[in-house]
PDB file of N, CA and C in Angstrom:
ATOM      1  N   MET A   1       0.852  -1.175   0.000  1.00  0.00           N
ATOM      2  CA  MET A   1       0.000   0.000   0.000  1.00  0.00           C
ATOM      3  C   MET A   1       0.894   1.233   0.000  1.00  0.00           C
ATOM      4  N   GLY A   2       0.466   2.246  -0.680  1.00  0.00           N
ATOM      5  CA  GLY A   2       1.246   3.468  -0.782  1.00  0.00           C
ATOM      6  C   GLY A   2       0.987   4.437   0.358  1.00  0.00           C
ATOM      7  N   CYS A   3       2.053   5.052   0.814  1.00  0.00           N
ATOM      8  CA  CYS A   3       1.963   6.072   1.856  1.00  0.00           C
ATOM      9  C   CYS A   3       1.276   7.309   1.276  1.00  0.00           C
ATOM     10  N   ARG A   4       0.385   7.899   2.052  1.00  0.00           N
ATOM     11  CA  ARG A   4      -0.337   9.091   1.591  1.00  0.00           C
ATOM     12  C   ARG A   4       0.536  10.332   1.556  1.00  0.00           C
ATOM     13  N   THR A   5       1.673  10.284   2.229  1.00  0.00           N
ATOM     14  CA  THR A   5       2.528  11.456   2.305  1.00  0.00           C
ATOM     15  C   THR A   5       3.675  11.418   1.311  1.00  0.00           C
ATOM     16  N   CYS A   6       4.412  10.311   1.281  1.00  0.00           N
ATOM     17  CA  CYS A   6       5.626  10.270   0.460  1.00  0.00           C
ATOM     18  C   CYS A   6       5.544   9.325  -0.736  1.00  0.00           C
ATOM     19  N   ASP A   7       4.451   8.621  -0.893  1.00  0.00           N
ATOM     20  CA  ASP A   7       4.238   7.682  -2.003  1.00  0.00           C
ATOM     21  C   ASP A   7       5.132   6.457  -1.966  1.00  0.00           C
ATOM     22  N   SER A   8       5.839   6.200  -0.851  1.00  0.00           N
ATOM     23  CA  SER A   8       6.576   4.939  -0.755  1.00  0.00           C
ATOM     24  C   SER A   8       5.553   3.807  -0.651  1.00  0.00           C
ATOM     25  N   VAL A   9       5.958   2.617  -1.031  1.00  0.00           N
ATOM     26  CA  VAL A   9       5.051   1.474  -1.014  1.00  0.00           C
ATOM     27  C   VAL A   9       5.551   0.448  -0.002  1.00  0.00           C
ATOM     28  N   ASP A  10       4.674   0.040   0.903  1.00  0.00           N
ATOM     29  CA  ASP A  10       4.990  -0.991   1.886  1.00  0.00           C
ATOM     30  C   ASP A  10       4.189  -2.241   1.552  1.00  0.00           C
ATOM     31  N   VAL A  11       4.815  -3.388   1.788  1.00  0.00           N
ATOM     32  CA  VAL A  11       4.199  -4.677   1.481  1.00  0.00           C
ATOM     33  C   VAL A  11       4.333  -5.587   2.690  1.00  0.00           C
ATOM     34  N   VAL A  12       3.297  -6.344   2.960  1.00  0.00           N
ATOM     35  CA  VAL A  12       3.350  -7.372   3.999  1.00  0.00           C
ATOM     36  C   VAL A  12       2.884  -8.673   3.347  1.00  0.00           C
ATOM     37  N   GLU A  13       3.578  -9.749   3.650  1.00  0.00           N
ATOM     38  CA  GLU A  13       3.226 -11.051   3.080  1.00  0.00           C
ATOM     39  C   GLU A  13       2.522 -11.902   4.122  1.00  0.00           C
ATOM     40  N   VAL A  14       1.340 -12.387   3.755  1.00  0.00           N
ATOM     41  CA  VAL A  14       0.552 -13.283   4.598  1.00  0.00           C
ATOM     42  C   VAL A  14      -0.045 -14.355   3.689  1.00  0.00           C
ATOM     43  N   PRO A  15      -0.472 -15.490   4.252  1.00  0.00           N
ATOM     44  CA  PRO A  15      -1.107 -16.517   3.431  1.00  0.00           C
ATOM     45  C   PRO A  15      -2.338 -15.958   2.699  1.00  0.00           C
ATOM     46  N   GLU A  16      -2.425 -16.240   1.429  1.00  0.00           N
ATOM     47  CA  GLU A  16      -3.503 -15.674   0.604  1.00  0.00           C
ATOM     48  C   GLU A  16      -4.884 -16.023   1.142  1.00  0.00           C
ATOM     49  N   GLN A  17      -5.071 -17.254   1.586  1.00  0.00           N
ATOM     50  CA  GLN A  17      -6.377 -17.673   2.094  1.00  0.00           C
ATOM     51  C   GLN A  17      -6.759 -16.886   3.349  1.00  0.00           C
ATOM     52  N   SER A  18      -5.792 -16.655   4.225  1.00  0.00           N
ATOM     53  CA  SER A  18      -6.060 -15.874   5.436  1.00  0.00           C
ATOM     54  C   SER A  18      -6.383 -14.427   5.094  1.00  0.00           C
ATOM     55  N   LEU A  19      -5.641 -13.875   4.148  1.00  0.00           N
ATOM     56  CA  LEU A  19      -5.888 -12.496   3.728  1.00  0.00           C
ATOM     57  C   LEU A  19      -7.277 -12.348   3.126  1.00  0.00           C
ATOM     58  N   GLU A  20      -7.653 -13.257   2.245  1.00  0.00           N
ATOM     59  CA  GLU A  20      -8.979 -13.188   1.626  1.00  0.00           C
ATOM     60  C   GLU A  20     -10.088 -13.318   2.671  1.00  0.00           C
ATOM     61  N   ALA A  21      -9.878 -14.189   3.658  1.00  0.00           N
ATOM     62  CA  ALA A  21     -10.877 -14.333   4.726  1.00  0.00           C
ATOM     63  C   ALA A  21     -11.001 -13.034   5.512  1.00  0.00           C
ATOM     64  N   TYR A  22      -9.885 -12.407   5.838  1.00  0.00           N
ATOM     65  CA  TYR A  22      -9.931 -11.142   6.571  1.00  0.00           C
ATOM     66  C   TYR A  22     -10.575 -10.044   5.737  1.00  0.00           C
ATOM     67  N   MET A  23     -10.199  -9.963   4.478  1.00  0.00           N
ATOM     68  CA  MET A  23     -10.747  -8.917   3.609  1.00  0.00           C
ATOM     69  C   MET A  23     -12.250  -9.089   3.417  1.00  0.00           C
ATOM     70  N   ALA A  24     -12.714 -10.310   3.321  1.00  0.00           N
ATOM     71  CA  ALA A  24     -14.138 -10.567   3.077  1.00  0.00           C
ATOM     72  C   ALA A  24     -14.982 -10.317   4.314  1.00  0.00           C
ATOM     73  N   VAL A  25     -14.495 -10.728   5.462  1.00  0.00           N
ATOM     74  CA  VAL A  25     -15.308 -10.678   6.667  1.00  0.00           C
ATOM     75  C   VAL A  25     -14.822  -9.623   7.648  1.00  0.00           C
ATOM     76  N   GLY A  26     -13.502  -9.514   7.801  1.00  0.00           N
ATOM     77  CA  GLY A  26     -12.954  -8.556   8.745  1.00  0.00           C
ATOM     78  C   GLY A  26     -13.028  -9.035  10.180  1.00  0.00           C
ATOM     79  N   SER A  27     -13.409 -10.289  10.345  1.00  0.00           N
ATOM     80  CA  SER A  27     -13.526 -10.838  11.678  1.00  0.00           C
ATOM     81  C   SER A  27     -12.999 -12.254  11.647  1.00  0.00           C
ATOM     82  N   PRO A  28     -12.237 -12.712  12.563  1.00  0.00           N
ATOM     83  CA  PRO A  28     -11.878 -12.036  13.793  1.00  0.00           C
ATOM     84  C   PRO A  28     -10.983 -10.833  13.549  1.00  0.00           C
ATOM     85  N   ALA A  29     -10.716 -10.144  14.612  1.00  0.00           N
ATOM     86  CA  ALA A  29      -9.897  -8.937  14.524  1.00  0.00           C
ATOM     87  C   ALA A  29      -8.536  -9.264  13.920  1.00  0.00           C
ATOM     88  N   VAL A  30      -7.945  -8.264  13.263  1.00  0.00           N
ATOM     89  CA  VAL A  30      -6.680  -8.462  12.562  1.00  0.00           C
ATOM     90  C   VAL A  30      -5.588  -8.954  13.506  1.00  0.00           C
ATOM     91  N   ASP A  31      -5.565  -8.507  14.749  1.00  0.00           N
ATOM     92  CA  ASP A  31      -4.522  -8.959  15.674  1.00  0.00           C
ATOM     93  C   ASP A  31      -4.720 -10.412  16.084  1.00  0.00           C
ATOM     94  N   ALA A  32      -5.953 -10.892  16.102  1.00  0.00           N
ATOM     95  CA  ALA A  32      -6.211 -12.298  16.398  1.00  0.00           C
ATOM     96  C   ALA A  32      -5.908 -13.180  15.190  1.00  0.00           C
ATOM     97  N   MET A  33      -6.172 -12.666  14.009  1.00  0.00           N
ATOM     98  CA  MET A  33      -5.966 -13.449  12.789  1.00  0.00           C
ATOM     99  C   MET A  33      -4.500 -13.493  12.378  1.00  0.00           C
ATOM    100  N   PHE A  34      -3.750 -12.426  12.662  1.00  0.00           N
ATOM    101  CA  PHE A  34      -2.341 -12.338  12.277  1.00  0.00           C
ATOM    102  C   PHE A  34      -1.495 -11.942  13.492  1.00  0.00           C
ATOM    103  N   PRO A  35      -1.439 -12.787  14.520  1.00  0.00           N
ATOM    104  CA  PRO A  35      -0.741 -12.412  15.754  1.00  0.00           C
ATOM    105  C   PRO A  35       0.768 -12.245  15.600  1.00  0.00           C
ATOM    106  N   SER A  36       1.355 -12.860  14.583  1.00  0.00           N
ATOM    107  CA  SER A  36       2.811 -12.769  14.423  1.00  0.00           C
ATOM    108  C   SER A  36       3.258 -11.490  13.711  1.00  0.00           C
ATOM    109  N   LEU A  37       2.309 -10.737  13.152  1.00  0.00           N
ATOM    110  CA  LEU A  37       2.661  -9.499  12.455  1.00  0.00           C
ATOM    111  C   LEU A  37       2.906  -8.369  13.450  1.00  0.00           C
ATOM    112  N   SER A  38       3.732  -7.439  13.039  1.00  0.00           N
ATOM    113  CA  SER A  38       3.959  -6.250  13.867  1.00  0.00           C
ATOM    114  C   SER A  38       2.715  -5.363  13.839  1.00  0.00           C
ATOM    115  N   VAL A  39       2.655  -4.434  14.756  1.00  0.00           N
ATOM    116  CA  VAL A  39       1.537  -3.484  14.800  1.00  0.00           C
ATOM    117  C   VAL A  39       1.451  -2.721  13.477  1.00  0.00           C
ATOM    118  N   GLY A  40       2.600  -2.307  12.944  1.00  0.00           N
ATOM    119  CA  GLY A  40       2.618  -1.579  11.676  1.00  0.00           C
ATOM    120  C   GLY A  40       2.113  -2.406  10.512  1.00  0.00           C
ATOM    121  N   ASP A  41       2.479  -3.684  10.475  1.00  0.00           N
ATOM    122  CA  ASP A  41       1.999  -4.561   9.400  1.00  0.00           C
ATOM    123  C   ASP A  41       0.499  -4.796   9.513  1.00  0.00           C
ATOM    124  N   ARG A  42       0.011  -4.939  10.739  1.00  0.00           N
ATOM    125  CA  ARG A  42      -1.447  -5.107  10.915  1.00  0.00           C
ATOM    126  C   ARG A  42      -2.185  -3.834  10.509  1.00  0.00           C
ATOM    127  N   GLU A  43      -1.624  -2.681  10.803  1.00  0.00           N
ATOM    128  CA  GLU A  43      -2.244  -1.420  10.385  1.00  0.00           C
ATOM    129  C   GLU A  43      -2.332  -1.337   8.861  1.00  0.00           C
ATOM    130  N   LEU A  44      -1.306  -1.818   8.188  1.00  0.00           N
ATOM    131  CA  LEU A  44      -1.329  -1.836   6.727  1.00  0.00           C
ATOM    132  C   LEU A  44      -2.497  -2.684   6.229  1.00  0.00           C
ATOM    133  N   LEU A  45      -2.727  -3.842   6.841  1.00  0.00           N
ATOM    134  CA  LEU A  45      -3.855  -4.696   6.443  1.00  0.00           C
ATOM    135  C   LEU A  45      -5.198  -4.033   6.738  1.00  0.00           C
ATOM    136  N   ILE A  46      -5.293  -3.367   7.881  1.00  0.00           N
ATOM    137  CA  ILE A  46      -6.534  -2.661   8.226  1.00  0.00           C
ATOM    138  C   ILE A  46      -6.846  -1.596   7.183  1.00  0.00           C
ATOM    139  N   GLN A  47      -5.852  -0.802   6.826  1.00  0.00           N
ATOM    140  CA  GLN A  47      -6.067   0.260   5.840  1.00  0.00           C
ATOM    141  C   GLN A  47      -6.344  -0.311   4.450  1.00  0.00           C
ATOM    142  N   ALA A  48      -5.698  -1.425   4.118  1.00  0.00           N
ATOM    143  CA  ALA A  48      -5.962  -2.073   2.822  1.00  0.00           C
ATOM    144  C   ALA A  48      -7.403  -2.564   2.750  1.00  0.00           C
ATOM    145  N   ARG A  49      -7.893  -3.094   3.851  1.00  0.00           N
ATOM    146  CA  ARG A  49      -9.290  -3.557   3.881  1.00  0.00           C
ATOM    147  C   ARG A  49     -10.246  -2.379   3.738  1.00  0.00           C
ATOM    148  N   ARG A  50      -9.970  -1.292   4.433  1.00  0.00           N
ATOM    149  CA  ARG A  50     -10.825  -0.099   4.311  1.00  0.00           C
ATOM    150  C   ARG A  50     -10.828   0.403   2.870  1.00  0.00           C
ATOM    151  N   ARG A  51      -9.651   0.441   2.257  1.00  0.00           N
ATOM    152  CA  ARG A  51      -9.544   0.908   0.872  1.00  0.00           C
ATOM    153  C   ARG A  51     -10.330  -0.003  -0.068  1.00  0.00           C
ATOM    154  N   ARG A  52     -10.199  -1.308   0.125  1.00  0.00           N
ATOM    155  CA  ARG A  52     -10.887  -2.277  -0.732  1.00  0.00           C
ATOM    156  C   ARG A  52     -12.397  -2.120  -0.639  1.00  0.00           C
ATOM    157  N   ARG A  53     -12.884  -1.758   0.537  1.00  0.00           N
ATOM    158  CA  ARG A  53     -14.324  -1.604   0.750  1.00  0.00           C
ATOM    159  C   ARG A  53     -14.832  -0.215   0.376  1.00  0.00           C
ATOM    160  N   GLY A  54     -13.940   0.631  -0.147  1.00  0.00           N
ATOM    161  CA  GLY A  54     -14.347   1.957  -0.581  1.00  0.00           C
ATOM    162  C   GLY A  54     -14.507   2.954   0.541  1.00  0.00           C
ATOM    163  N   ARG A  55     -13.918   2.656   1.685  1.00  0.00           N
ATOM    164  CA  ARG A  55     -14.005   3.563   2.830  1.00  0.00           C
ATOM    165  C   ARG A  55     -12.763   4.426   2.913  1.00  0.00           C
ATOM    166  N   PHE A  56     -12.861   5.478   3.699  1.00  0.00           N
ATOM    167  CA  PHE A  56     -11.721   6.361   3.900  1.00  0.00           C
ATOM    168  C   PHE A  56     -10.567   5.572   4.505  1.00  0.00           C
ATOM    169  N   HIS A  57      -9.387   5.743   3.952  1.00  0.00           N
ATOM    170  CA  HIS A  57      -8.196   5.087   4.483  1.00  0.00           C
ATOM    171  C   HIS A  57      -7.050   6.088   4.475  1.00  0.00           C
ATOM    172  N   TRP A  58      -6.181   5.951   5.425  1.00  0.00           N
ATOM    173  CA  TRP A  58      -5.065   6.876   5.523  1.00  0.00           C
ATOM    174  C   TRP A  58      -3.861   6.120   6.048  1.00  0.00           C
ATOM    175  N   TYR A  59      -3.063   5.587   5.142  1.00  0.00           N
ATOM    176  CA  TYR A  59      -1.878   4.846   5.549  1.00  0.00           C
ATOM    177  C   TYR A  59      -0.656   5.748   5.483  1.00  0.00           C
ATOM    178  N   LEU A  60       0.121   5.762   6.549  1.00  0.00           N
ATOM    179  CA  LEU A  60       1.404   6.467   6.578  1.00  0.00           C
ATOM    180  C   LEU A  60       2.501   5.429   6.794  1.00  0.00           C
ATOM    181  N   CYS A  61       3.556   5.512   6.014  1.00  0.00           N
ATOM    182  CA  CYS A  61       4.690   4.601   6.185  1.00  0.00           C
ATOM    183  C   CYS A  61       5.349   4.890   7.542  1.00  0.00           C
ATOM    184  N   PRO A  62       6.161   3.963   8.049  1.00  0.00           N
ATOM    185  CA  PRO A  62       6.797   4.194   9.348  1.00  0.00           C
ATOM    186  C   PRO A  62       7.621   5.469   9.412  1.00  0.00           C
ATOM    187  N   THR A  63       8.300   5.837   8.341  1.00  0.00           N
ATOM    188  CA  THR A  63       9.109   7.055   8.331  1.00  0.00           C
ATOM    189  C   THR A  63       8.239   8.301   8.507  1.00  0.00           C
ATOM    190  N   CYS A  64       7.146   8.364   7.744  1.00  0.00           N
ATOM    191  CA  CYS A  64       6.260   9.528   7.847  1.00  0.00           C
ATOM    192  C   CYS A  64       5.508   9.535   9.178  1.00  0.00           C
ATOM    193  N   TRP A  65       5.151   8.354   9.689  1.00  0.00           N
ATOM    194  CA  TRP A  65       4.485   8.275  10.972  1.00  0.00           C
ATOM    195  C   TRP A  65       5.371   8.848  12.076  1.00  0.00           C
ATOM    196  N   GLU A  66       6.636   8.483  12.064  1.00  0.00           N
ATOM    197  CA  GLU A  66       7.575   8.980  13.077  1.00  0.00           C
ATOM    198  C   GLU A  66       7.786  10.497  12.952  1.00  0.00           C
ATOM    199  N   ALA A  67       7.653  11.027  11.744  1.00  0.00           N
ATOM    200  CA  ALA A  67       7.858  12.452  11.515  1.00  0.00           C
ATOM    201  C   ALA A  67       6.703  13.308  12.048  1.00  0.00           C
ATOM    202  N   LEU A  68       5.574  12.691  12.337  1.00  0.00           N
ATOM    203  CA  LEU A  68       4.415  13.465  12.833  1.00  0.00           C
ATOM    204  C   LEU A  68       4.716  14.106  14.128  1.00  0.00           C
TER     205      LEU A  68
END
């Protein structure tokens, strides 16, 4: 997903079946479904799901987040 501030692109790799299940249902919570991911990686998935559903999303890469 691209950062809204600097246009850098961040990627997280997860099993496709798990990702599709999360994107389709959104439940269980992302932290329960992907407990081994970092907080930042889970945030990327949350924002990707919001974007896919046509909702407002605002992803900032770690560099831009720290600059806030």
